[in-house]
Protein backbone atom coordinates (compact mmCIF):
# COMPACT_ATOMS: atom_id res chain seq x y z
CA UNK A 1 0.00 0.00 0.00
CA UNK A 2 3.03 2.25 0.21
CA UNK A 3 2.56 5.85 1.30
CA UNK A 4 -1.02 6.07 0.03
CA UNK A 5 -2.48 4.34 3.05
CA UNK A 6 -4.86 1.90 1.30
CA UNK A 7 -4.55 -0.89 -1.24
CA UNK A 8 -5.91 -0.49 -4.75
CA UNK A 9 -6.85 2.70 -6.54
CA UNK A 10 -6.98 5.96 -4.58
CA UNK A 11 -9.30 8.41 -6.30
CA UNK A 12 -8.69 12.13 -6.71
CA UNK A 13 -11.48 14.55 -7.64
CA UNK A 14 -10.37 17.74 -9.41
CA UNK A 15 -12.74 20.71 -9.75
CA UNK A 16 -12.66 22.72 -12.99
CA UNK A 17 -14.34 26.08 -12.36
CA UNK A 18 -14.47 28.44 -15.33
CA UNK A 19 -16.01 31.90 -15.01
CA UNK A 20 -17.98 33.84 -17.63
CA UNK A 21 -14.73 35.38 -18.94
CA UNK A 22 -13.24 31.95 -19.65
CA UNK A 23 -10.80 32.15 -16.73
CA UNK A 24 -10.02 28.90 -14.92
CA UNK A 25 -9.75 28.83 -11.13
CA UNK A 26 -6.34 27.49 -10.13
CA UNK A 27 -4.72 27.15 -6.74
CA UNK A 28 -1.11 27.38 -5.63
CA UNK A 29 -0.20 24.49 -3.33
CA UNK A 30 1.53 25.60 -0.12
CA UNK A 31 4.05 22.74 -0.02
CA UNK A 32 5.15 22.66 -3.65
CA UNK A 33 4.25 26.11 -5.02
CA UNK A 34 2.77 24.36 -8.07
CA UNK A 35 -0.44 25.55 -9.72
CA UNK A 36 -3.30 23.15 -10.27
CA UNK A 37 -7.02 22.61 -10.06
CA UNK A 38 -8.61 22.52 -6.62
CA UNK A 39 -9.17 18.95 -5.52
CA UNK A 40 -7.94 16.03 -3.53
CA UNK A 41 -8.63 12.55 -2.27
CA UNK A 42 -12.17 11.21 -2.53
CA UNK A 43 -13.17 9.81 0.87
CA UNK A 44 -14.67 6.31 1.20
CA UNK A 45 -18.39 6.50 0.46
CA UNK A 46 -18.12 9.73 -1.57
CA UNK A 47 -18.66 9.97 -5.30
CA UNK A 48 -16.04 11.66 -7.45
CA UNK A 49 -18.31 14.72 -7.71
CA UNK A 50 -18.94 14.88 -3.96
CA UNK A 51 -15.21 14.63 -3.25
CA UNK A 52 -14.28 17.31 -5.78
CA UNK A 53 -16.94 19.71 -4.41
CA UNK A 54 -15.86 19.06 -0.81
CA UNK A 55 -12.22 19.75 -1.68
CA UNK A 56 -13.20 22.88 -3.65
CA UNK A 57 -15.09 24.14 -0.61
CA UNK A 58 -12.20 23.35 1.75
CA UNK A 59 -9.45 24.82 -0.44
CA UNK A 60 -10.85 27.80 -2.31
CA UNK A 61 -14.58 28.57 -1.97
CA UNK A 62 -15.60 28.22 1.68
CA UNK A 63 -19.08 29.66 1.12
CA UNK A 64 -20.03 27.33 -1.73
CA UNK A 65 -23.66 26.31 -1.26
CA UNK A 66 -25.14 25.71 -4.70
CA UNK A 67 -23.50 24.57 -7.89
CA UNK A 68 -24.02 22.31 -10.87
CA UNK A 69 -21.37 19.66 -11.35
CA UNK A 70 -20.70 16.77 -13.69
CA UNK A 71 -17.75 14.56 -14.46
CA UNK A 72 -16.04 15.34 -17.75
CA UNK A 73 -13.80 12.94 -19.61
CA UNK A 74 -12.46 9.61 -18.42
CA UNK A 75 -10.61 8.72 -15.24
CA UNK A 76 -6.84 8.77 -15.70
CA UNK A 77 -3.78 7.35 -13.96
CA UNK A 78 -1.67 9.88 -12.06
CA UNK A 79 2.06 9.15 -11.96
CA UNK A 80 3.22 9.78 -8.40
CA UNK A 81 6.26 8.60 -6.44
CA UNK A 82 3.95 7.31 -3.66
CA UNK A 83 2.36 4.70 -5.93
CA UNK A 84 3.29 1.01 -5.81
CA UNK A 85 2.12 -2.16 -7.54
CA UNK A 86 -0.53 -2.41 -4.81
CA UNK A 87 -1.71 1.21 -4.51
CA UNK A 88 -2.03 3.90 -7.18
CA UNK A 89 -3.72 7.21 -7.94
CA UNK A 90 -6.61 7.67 -10.38
CA UNK A 91 -8.09 11.12 -11.02
CA UNK A 92 -11.20 12.53 -12.61
CA UNK A 93 -12.15 16.08 -13.51
CA UNK A 94 -15.49 17.56 -12.47
CA UNK A 95 -16.84 20.63 -14.28
CA UNK A 96 -18.39 22.98 -11.72
CA UNK A 97 -20.82 25.76 -12.58
CA UNK A 98 -21.28 28.22 -9.73
CA UNK A 99 -24.89 29.29 -9.27
CA UNK A 100 -24.39 32.02 -6.64
CA UNK A 101 -21.78 34.75 -6.36
CA UNK A 102 -19.14 33.42 -4.00
CA UNK A 103 -15.91 34.65 -2.48
CA UNK A 104 -12.82 32.80 -3.62
CA UNK A 105 -10.35 32.52 -0.75
CA UNK A 106 -7.38 30.20 -0.26
CA UNK A 107 -7.53 28.19 2.97
CA UNK A 108 -3.98 29.30 3.91
CA UNK A 109 -3.01 25.76 4.92
CA UNK A 110 -2.92 23.47 1.88
CA UNK A 111 -3.41 26.34 -0.54
CA UNK A 112 -1.37 29.54 -0.61
CA UNK A 113 -3.26 31.38 -3.37
CA UNK A 114 -6.50 30.87 -5.29
C-alpha atoms as a PDB file:
ATOM      1  CA  UNK A   1       0.000   0.000   0.000  1.00  0.00           C
ATOM      2  CA  UNK A   2       3.034   2.253   0.208  1.00  0.00           C
ATOM      3  CA  UNK A   3       2.562   5.853   1.297  1.00  0.00           C
ATOM      4  CA  UNK A   4      -1.024   6.069   0.026  1.00  0.00           C
ATOM      5  CA  UNK A   5      -2.484   4.337   3.053  1.00  0.00           C
ATOM      6  CA  UNK A   6      -4.855   1.896   1.297  1.00  0.00           C
ATOM      7  CA  UNK A   7      -4.545  -0.893  -1.235  1.00  0.00           C
ATOM      8  CA  UNK A   8      -5.907  -0.494  -4.750  1.00  0.00           C
ATOM      9  CA  UNK A   9      -6.852   2.702  -6.542  1.00  0.00           C
ATOM     10  CA  UNK A  10      -6.979   5.957  -4.577  1.00  0.00           C
ATOM     11  CA  UNK A  11      -9.297   8.411  -6.300  1.00  0.00           C
ATOM     12  CA  UNK A  12      -8.688  12.135  -6.711  1.00  0.00           C
ATOM     13  CA  UNK A  13     -11.478  14.549  -7.639  1.00  0.00           C
ATOM     14  CA  UNK A  14     -10.372  17.740  -9.414  1.00  0.00           C
ATOM     15  CA  UNK A  15     -12.740  20.706  -9.754  1.00  0.00           C
ATOM     16  CA  UNK A  16     -12.655  22.722 -12.993  1.00  0.00           C
ATOM     17  CA  UNK A  17     -14.340  26.075 -12.357  1.00  0.00           C
ATOM     18  CA  UNK A  18     -14.475  28.438 -15.329  1.00  0.00           C
ATOM     19  CA  UNK A  19     -16.009  31.903 -15.007  1.00  0.00           C
ATOM     20  CA  UNK A  20     -17.976  33.838 -17.628  1.00  0.00           C
ATOM     21  CA  UNK A  21     -14.728  35.377 -18.939  1.00  0.00           C
ATOM     22  CA  UNK A  22     -13.238  31.949 -19.651  1.00  0.00           C
ATOM     23  CA  UNK A  23     -10.799  32.149 -16.729  1.00  0.00           C
ATOM     24  CA  UNK A  24     -10.025  28.895 -14.918  1.00  0.00           C
ATOM     25  CA  UNK A  25      -9.750  28.833 -11.126  1.00  0.00           C
ATOM     26  CA  UNK A  26      -6.343  27.495 -10.126  1.00  0.00           C
ATOM     27  CA  UNK A  27      -4.721  27.148  -6.740  1.00  0.00           C
ATOM     28  CA  UNK A  28      -1.107  27.380  -5.633  1.00  0.00           C
ATOM     29  CA  UNK A  29      -0.204  24.494  -3.334  1.00  0.00           C
ATOM     30  CA  UNK A  30       1.529  25.596  -0.121  1.00  0.00           C
ATOM     31  CA  UNK A  31       4.048  22.739  -0.023  1.00  0.00           C
ATOM     32  CA  UNK A  32       5.146  22.664  -3.654  1.00  0.00           C
ATOM     33  CA  UNK A  33       4.245  26.105  -5.017  1.00  0.00           C
ATOM     34  CA  UNK A  34       2.767  24.358  -8.066  1.00  0.00           C
ATOM     35  CA  UNK A  35      -0.437  25.552  -9.720  1.00  0.00           C
ATOM     36  CA  UNK A  36      -3.298  23.147 -10.271  1.00  0.00           C
ATOM     37  CA  UNK A  37      -7.018  22.612 -10.065  1.00  0.00           C
ATOM     38  CA  UNK A  38      -8.609  22.517  -6.617  1.00  0.00           C
ATOM     39  CA  UNK A  39      -9.172  18.950  -5.524  1.00  0.00           C
ATOM     40  CA  UNK A  40      -7.937  16.027  -3.528  1.00  0.00           C
ATOM     41  CA  UNK A  41      -8.632  12.552  -2.265  1.00  0.00           C
ATOM     42  CA  UNK A  42     -12.166  11.208  -2.527  1.00  0.00           C
ATOM     43  CA  UNK A  43     -13.172   9.811   0.865  1.00  0.00           C
ATOM     44  CA  UNK A  44     -14.669   6.311   1.203  1.00  0.00           C
ATOM     45  CA  UNK A  45     -18.394   6.501   0.457  1.00  0.00           C
ATOM     46  CA  UNK A  46     -18.119   9.725  -1.569  1.00  0.00           C
ATOM     47  CA  UNK A  47     -18.661   9.968  -5.296  1.00  0.00           C
ATOM     48  CA  UNK A  48     -16.039  11.664  -7.450  1.00  0.00           C
ATOM     49  CA  UNK A  49     -18.314  14.716  -7.713  1.00  0.00           C
ATOM     50  CA  UNK A  50     -18.935  14.877  -3.961  1.00  0.00           C
ATOM     51  CA  UNK A  51     -15.205  14.625  -3.248  1.00  0.00           C
ATOM     52  CA  UNK A  52     -14.280  17.307  -5.779  1.00  0.00           C
ATOM     53  CA  UNK A  53     -16.939  19.707  -4.413  1.00  0.00           C
ATOM     54  CA  UNK A  54     -15.857  19.064  -0.805  1.00  0.00           C
ATOM     55  CA  UNK A  55     -12.224  19.752  -1.681  1.00  0.00           C
ATOM     56  CA  UNK A  56     -13.198  22.879  -3.649  1.00  0.00           C
ATOM     57  CA  UNK A  57     -15.095  24.142  -0.607  1.00  0.00           C
ATOM     58  CA  UNK A  58     -12.198  23.347   1.751  1.00  0.00           C
ATOM     59  CA  UNK A  59      -9.454  24.816  -0.439  1.00  0.00           C
ATOM     60  CA  UNK A  60     -10.848  27.799  -2.313  1.00  0.00           C
ATOM     61  CA  UNK A  61     -14.583  28.566  -1.971  1.00  0.00           C
ATOM     62  CA  UNK A  62     -15.596  28.220   1.684  1.00  0.00           C
ATOM     63  CA  UNK A  63     -19.082  29.664   1.116  1.00  0.00           C
ATOM     64  CA  UNK A  64     -20.031  27.326  -1.735  1.00  0.00           C
ATOM     65  CA  UNK A  65     -23.660  26.314  -1.262  1.00  0.00           C
ATOM     66  CA  UNK A  66     -25.137  25.709  -4.695  1.00  0.00           C
ATOM     67  CA  UNK A  67     -23.502  24.566  -7.891  1.00  0.00           C
ATOM     68  CA  UNK A  68     -24.019  22.311 -10.874  1.00  0.00           C
ATOM     69  CA  UNK A  69     -21.371  19.661 -11.349  1.00  0.00           C
ATOM     70  CA  UNK A  70     -20.702  16.770 -13.686  1.00  0.00           C
ATOM     71  CA  UNK A  71     -17.748  14.557 -14.458  1.00  0.00           C
ATOM     72  CA  UNK A  72     -16.039  15.336 -17.748  1.00  0.00           C
ATOM     73  CA  UNK A  73     -13.801  12.936 -19.610  1.00  0.00           C
ATOM     74  CA  UNK A  74     -12.461   9.608 -18.417  1.00  0.00           C
ATOM     75  CA  UNK A  75     -10.612   8.721 -15.238  1.00  0.00           C
ATOM     76  CA  UNK A  76      -6.840   8.769 -15.704  1.00  0.00           C
ATOM     77  CA  UNK A  77      -3.779   7.350 -13.962  1.00  0.00           C
ATOM     78  CA  UNK A  78      -1.666   9.883 -12.062  1.00  0.00           C
ATOM     79  CA  UNK A  79       2.059   9.154 -11.963  1.00  0.00           C
ATOM     80  CA  UNK A  80       3.215   9.776  -8.405  1.00  0.00           C
ATOM     81  CA  UNK A  81       6.257   8.599  -6.439  1.00  0.00           C
ATOM     82  CA  UNK A  82       3.952   7.313  -3.660  1.00  0.00           C
ATOM     83  CA  UNK A  83       2.360   4.695  -5.928  1.00  0.00           C
ATOM     84  CA  UNK A  84       3.286   1.012  -5.808  1.00  0.00           C
ATOM     85  CA  UNK A  85       2.125  -2.157  -7.541  1.00  0.00           C
ATOM     86  CA  UNK A  86      -0.534  -2.412  -4.814  1.00  0.00           C
ATOM     87  CA  UNK A  87      -1.710   1.214  -4.515  1.00  0.00           C
ATOM     88  CA  UNK A  88      -2.028   3.897  -7.180  1.00  0.00           C
ATOM     89  CA  UNK A  89      -3.722   7.213  -7.940  1.00  0.00           C
ATOM     90  CA  UNK A  90      -6.609   7.672 -10.378  1.00  0.00           C
ATOM     91  CA  UNK A  91      -8.094  11.118 -11.017  1.00  0.00           C
ATOM     92  CA  UNK A  92     -11.204  12.529 -12.608  1.00  0.00           C
ATOM     93  CA  UNK A  93     -12.154  16.077 -13.514  1.00  0.00           C
ATOM     94  CA  UNK A  94     -15.486  17.559 -12.468  1.00  0.00           C
ATOM     95  CA  UNK A  95     -16.843  20.634 -14.275  1.00  0.00           C
ATOM     96  CA  UNK A  96     -18.392  22.985 -11.721  1.00  0.00           C
ATOM     97  CA  UNK A  97     -20.818  25.761 -12.580  1.00  0.00           C
ATOM     98  CA  UNK A  98     -21.277  28.219  -9.730  1.00  0.00           C
ATOM     99  CA  UNK A  99     -24.890  29.295  -9.269  1.00  0.00           C
ATOM    100  CA  UNK A 100     -24.395  32.018  -6.644  1.00  0.00           C
ATOM    101  CA  UNK A 101     -21.783  34.749  -6.360  1.00  0.00           C
ATOM    102  CA  UNK A 102     -19.141  33.423  -3.997  1.00  0.00           C
ATOM    103  CA  UNK A 103     -15.914  34.652  -2.483  1.00  0.00           C
ATOM    104  CA  UNK A 104     -12.817  32.796  -3.619  1.00  0.00           C
ATOM    105  CA  UNK A 105     -10.348  32.520  -0.751  1.00  0.00           C
ATOM    106  CA  UNK A 106      -7.375  30.204  -0.260  1.00  0.00           C
ATOM    107  CA  UNK A 107      -7.527  28.194   2.967  1.00  0.00           C
ATOM    108  CA  UNK A 108      -3.985  29.295   3.906  1.00  0.00           C
ATOM    109  CA  UNK A 109      -3.011  25.757   4.916  1.00  0.00           C
ATOM    110  CA  UNK A 110      -2.923  23.473   1.879  1.00  0.00           C
ATOM    111  CA  UNK A 111      -3.414  26.338  -0.544  1.00  0.00           C
ATOM    112  CA  UNK A 112      -1.371  29.543  -0.612  1.00  0.00           C
ATOM    113  CA  UNK A 113      -3.256  31.379  -3.374  1.00  0.00           C
ATOM    114  CA  UNK A 114      -6.499  30.866  -5.292  1.00  0.00           C
END
